Amino acid sequence: MNHAPQVKKFIVENFYVSDANALGPETSLLEGGYVDSTGMLEIVTFLEEKFSIKVAEEELVPENFETIARICAYLERKQAKA
């Protein structure tokens, strides 16, 4: 399932994104200045509530949360395990 539209919508609506079209699936959320460390916690809370998953502390790494594409891949892995 493609979660990218939902994840992107959450980011655009909850963080300062001047041009939503510039926020692509491989755009770095941290380096692009879209999200800071506190914002990452907001994204984690959104994912846990929206998709009924639990994000473990050791999973809070750039490999899972740096871009929308990585977030979606992480979600798919978590949901496949459930």
N, C-alpha and C. Protein backbone atom coordinates (compact mmCIF):
# COMPACT_ATOMS: atom_id res chain seq x y z
N MET A 1 0.84 -1.18 0.00
CA MET A 1 0.00 0.00 0.00
C MET A 1 0.89 1.25 0.00
N ASN A 2 0.51 2.23 -0.77
CA ASN A 2 1.28 3.46 -0.86
C ASN A 2 0.78 4.47 0.17
N HIS A 3 1.59 4.69 1.19
CA HIS A 3 1.23 5.63 2.26
C HIS A 3 1.76 7.03 2.00
N ALA A 4 2.50 7.20 0.93
CA ALA A 4 3.16 8.48 0.66
C ALA A 4 2.21 9.67 0.65
N PRO A 5 1.05 9.59 0.02
CA PRO A 5 0.16 10.76 0.03
C PRO A 5 -0.27 11.17 1.44
N GLN A 6 -0.56 10.19 2.30
CA GLN A 6 -0.98 10.50 3.66
C GLN A 6 0.16 11.10 4.47
N VAL A 7 1.35 10.53 4.32
CA VAL A 7 2.51 11.03 5.06
C VAL A 7 2.86 12.44 4.59
N LYS A 8 2.88 12.65 3.29
CA LYS A 8 3.20 13.98 2.76
C LYS A 8 2.15 15.00 3.21
N LYS A 9 0.89 14.62 3.17
CA LYS A 9 -0.18 15.54 3.58
C LYS A 9 0.01 15.96 5.03
N PHE A 10 0.35 15.00 5.90
CA PHE A 10 0.59 15.32 7.31
C PHE A 10 1.74 16.31 7.44
N ILE A 11 2.82 16.08 6.73
CA ILE A 11 3.99 16.96 6.82
C ILE A 11 3.66 18.35 6.30
N VAL A 12 3.00 18.42 5.17
CA VAL A 12 2.65 19.73 4.59
C VAL A 12 1.71 20.50 5.50
N GLU A 13 0.77 19.81 6.12
CA GLU A 13 -0.22 20.49 6.96
C GLU A 13 0.30 20.85 8.35
N ASN A 14 1.36 20.17 8.81
CA ASN A 14 1.80 20.38 10.18
C ASN A 14 3.16 21.06 10.33
N PHE A 15 3.87 21.24 9.23
CA PHE A 15 5.18 21.88 9.26
C PHE A 15 5.24 22.93 8.17
N TYR A 16 6.21 23.83 8.27
CA TYR A 16 6.31 24.87 7.26
C TYR A 16 6.89 24.29 5.97
N VAL A 17 6.02 24.18 4.99
CA VAL A 17 6.42 23.72 3.66
C VAL A 17 5.92 24.78 2.68
N SER A 18 6.84 25.62 2.20
CA SER A 18 6.43 26.72 1.33
C SER A 18 5.96 26.25 -0.04
N ASP A 19 6.53 25.14 -0.52
CA ASP A 19 6.17 24.61 -1.83
C ASP A 19 6.02 23.10 -1.71
N ALA A 20 4.79 22.63 -1.60
CA ALA A 20 4.54 21.20 -1.43
C ALA A 20 5.06 20.38 -2.61
N ASN A 21 5.10 20.98 -3.79
CA ASN A 21 5.60 20.25 -4.97
C ASN A 21 7.10 19.99 -4.88
N ALA A 22 7.81 20.80 -4.11
CA ALA A 22 9.26 20.62 -3.96
C ALA A 22 9.59 19.49 -2.98
N LEU A 23 8.60 19.06 -2.22
CA LEU A 23 8.79 17.99 -1.25
C LEU A 23 8.52 16.65 -1.92
N GLY A 24 9.58 16.07 -2.46
CA GLY A 24 9.46 14.80 -3.16
C GLY A 24 9.69 13.62 -2.24
N PRO A 25 9.50 12.41 -2.74
CA PRO A 25 9.65 11.21 -1.91
C PRO A 25 11.07 11.00 -1.38
N GLU A 26 12.07 11.55 -2.07
CA GLU A 26 13.47 11.37 -1.64
C GLU A 26 14.07 12.64 -1.05
N THR A 27 13.26 13.66 -0.81
CA THR A 27 13.73 14.90 -0.21
C THR A 27 14.03 14.67 1.27
N SER A 28 15.21 15.07 1.71
CA SER A 28 15.56 14.93 3.12
C SER A 28 14.73 15.89 3.96
N LEU A 29 13.98 15.33 4.90
CA LEU A 29 13.13 16.16 5.75
C LEU A 29 13.96 17.00 6.72
N LEU A 30 15.05 16.43 7.21
CA LEU A 30 15.91 17.15 8.16
C LEU A 30 16.81 18.15 7.45
N GLU A 31 17.56 17.69 6.45
CA GLU A 31 18.48 18.58 5.74
C GLU A 31 17.74 19.66 4.97
N GLY A 32 16.52 19.35 4.51
CA GLY A 32 15.72 20.33 3.79
C GLY A 32 15.10 21.37 4.71
N GLY A 33 15.22 21.15 6.02
CA GLY A 33 14.67 22.10 6.98
C GLY A 33 13.17 22.00 7.18
N TYR A 34 12.57 20.93 6.69
CA TYR A 34 11.13 20.77 6.84
C TYR A 34 10.75 20.34 8.25
N VAL A 35 11.59 19.51 8.86
CA VAL A 35 11.29 18.92 10.16
C VAL A 35 12.55 18.96 11.01
N ASP A 36 12.38 19.26 12.30
CA ASP A 36 13.50 19.17 13.24
C ASP A 36 13.28 17.94 14.12
N SER A 37 14.10 17.77 15.15
CA SER A 37 14.00 16.57 15.98
C SER A 37 12.65 16.48 16.69
N THR A 38 12.12 17.60 17.12
CA THR A 38 10.80 17.60 17.75
C THR A 38 9.73 17.24 16.73
N GLY A 39 9.89 17.72 15.52
CA GLY A 39 8.96 17.39 14.44
C GLY A 39 8.97 15.91 14.13
N MET A 40 10.15 15.29 14.22
CA MET A 40 10.23 13.84 13.99
C MET A 40 9.37 13.09 15.00
N LEU A 41 9.37 13.56 16.24
CA LEU A 41 8.54 12.93 17.26
C LEU A 41 7.06 13.09 16.92
N GLU A 42 6.69 14.22 16.34
CA GLU A 42 5.31 14.42 15.90
C GLU A 42 4.95 13.45 14.78
N ILE A 43 5.88 13.24 13.86
CA ILE A 43 5.65 12.29 12.77
C ILE A 43 5.49 10.89 13.33
N VAL A 44 6.33 10.51 14.29
CA VAL A 44 6.24 9.19 14.91
C VAL A 44 4.88 9.01 15.58
N THR A 45 4.44 10.02 16.31
CA THR A 45 3.13 9.95 16.96
C THR A 45 2.02 9.78 15.93
N PHE A 46 2.10 10.54 14.84
CA PHE A 46 1.12 10.41 13.76
C PHE A 46 1.10 8.99 13.21
N LEU A 47 2.28 8.43 12.92
CA LEU A 47 2.36 7.08 12.36
C LEU A 47 1.79 6.04 13.32
N GLU A 48 2.11 6.18 14.59
CA GLU A 48 1.61 5.22 15.58
C GLU A 48 0.09 5.28 15.69
N GLU A 49 -0.46 6.48 15.69
CA GLU A 49 -1.91 6.63 15.81
C GLU A 49 -2.65 6.26 14.53
N LYS A 50 -2.14 6.73 13.40
CA LYS A 50 -2.82 6.52 12.12
C LYS A 50 -2.74 5.09 11.63
N PHE A 51 -1.58 4.45 11.83
CA PHE A 51 -1.36 3.13 11.25
C PHE A 51 -1.27 2.01 12.29
N SER A 52 -1.57 2.34 13.54
CA SER A 52 -1.60 1.35 14.63
C SER A 52 -0.31 0.54 14.72
N ILE A 53 0.81 1.27 14.74
CA ILE A 53 2.11 0.61 14.90
C ILE A 53 2.77 1.17 16.15
N LYS A 54 3.81 0.52 16.59
CA LYS A 54 4.62 1.02 17.70
C LYS A 54 6.05 1.17 17.19
N VAL A 55 6.59 2.39 17.28
CA VAL A 55 7.95 2.67 16.84
C VAL A 55 8.88 2.52 18.04
N ALA A 56 9.79 1.57 17.95
CA ALA A 56 10.76 1.35 19.02
C ALA A 56 11.85 2.42 18.96
N GLU A 57 12.42 2.73 20.10
CA GLU A 57 13.46 3.76 20.17
C GLU A 57 14.62 3.49 19.22
N GLU A 58 15.02 2.22 19.13
CA GLU A 58 16.15 1.88 18.26
C GLU A 58 15.81 1.99 16.77
N GLU A 59 14.53 2.15 16.45
CA GLU A 59 14.11 2.30 15.05
C GLU A 59 14.12 3.77 14.61
N LEU A 60 14.34 4.69 15.54
CA LEU A 60 14.35 6.12 15.23
C LEU A 60 15.70 6.52 14.64
N VAL A 61 15.93 6.08 13.43
CA VAL A 61 17.19 6.33 12.73
C VAL A 61 16.89 6.91 11.35
N PRO A 62 17.84 7.63 10.77
CA PRO A 62 17.62 8.23 9.44
C PRO A 62 17.23 7.20 8.38
N GLU A 63 17.73 5.98 8.50
CA GLU A 63 17.39 4.95 7.52
C GLU A 63 15.87 4.71 7.46
N ASN A 64 15.16 5.02 8.54
CA ASN A 64 13.71 4.83 8.58
C ASN A 64 12.91 6.12 8.42
N PHE A 65 13.51 7.28 8.72
CA PHE A 65 12.71 8.50 8.80
C PHE A 65 13.28 9.71 8.06
N GLU A 66 14.32 9.55 7.27
CA GLU A 66 14.95 10.68 6.60
C GLU A 66 14.08 11.28 5.49
N THR A 67 13.34 10.45 4.78
CA THR A 67 12.54 10.91 3.64
C THR A 67 11.14 10.28 3.71
N ILE A 68 10.25 10.79 2.92
CA ILE A 68 8.90 10.20 2.83
C ILE A 68 9.00 8.76 2.33
N ALA A 69 9.85 8.52 1.36
CA ALA A 69 10.01 7.17 0.82
C ALA A 69 10.49 6.20 1.90
N ARG A 70 11.43 6.64 2.72
CA ARG A 70 11.94 5.77 3.79
C ARG A 70 10.88 5.53 4.86
N ILE A 71 10.11 6.56 5.16
CA ILE A 71 9.01 6.39 6.13
C ILE A 71 8.02 5.36 5.62
N CYS A 72 7.67 5.45 4.35
CA CYS A 72 6.71 4.51 3.75
C CYS A 72 7.26 3.09 3.73
N ALA A 73 8.53 2.93 3.41
CA ALA A 73 9.15 1.61 3.41
C ALA A 73 9.15 1.03 4.82
N TYR A 74 9.44 1.88 5.79
CA TYR A 74 9.42 1.46 7.20
C TYR A 74 8.01 1.01 7.59
N LEU A 75 7.02 1.80 7.22
CA LEU A 75 5.62 1.46 7.52
C LEU A 75 5.24 0.11 6.92
N GLU A 76 5.62 -0.11 5.70
CA GLU A 76 5.30 -1.38 5.04
C GLU A 76 5.95 -2.56 5.76
N ARG A 77 7.20 -2.40 6.21
CA ARG A 77 7.87 -3.45 6.96
C ARG A 77 7.16 -3.71 8.29
N LYS A 78 6.80 -2.64 8.99
CA LYS A 78 6.12 -2.79 10.28
C LYS A 78 4.77 -3.48 10.11
N GLN A 79 4.03 -3.08 9.10
CA GLN A 79 2.70 -3.66 8.89
C GLN A 79 2.80 -5.11 8.42
N ALA A 80 3.84 -5.46 7.70
CA ALA A 80 4.02 -6.83 7.25
C ALA A 80 4.30 -7.76 8.42
N LYS A 81 4.96 -7.22 9.46
CA LYS A 81 5.27 -8.01 10.65
C LYS A 81 4.05 -8.22 11.54
N ALA A 82 3.10 -7.29 11.44
CA ALA A 82 1.91 -7.34 12.32
C ALA A 82 0.96 -8.45 11.95
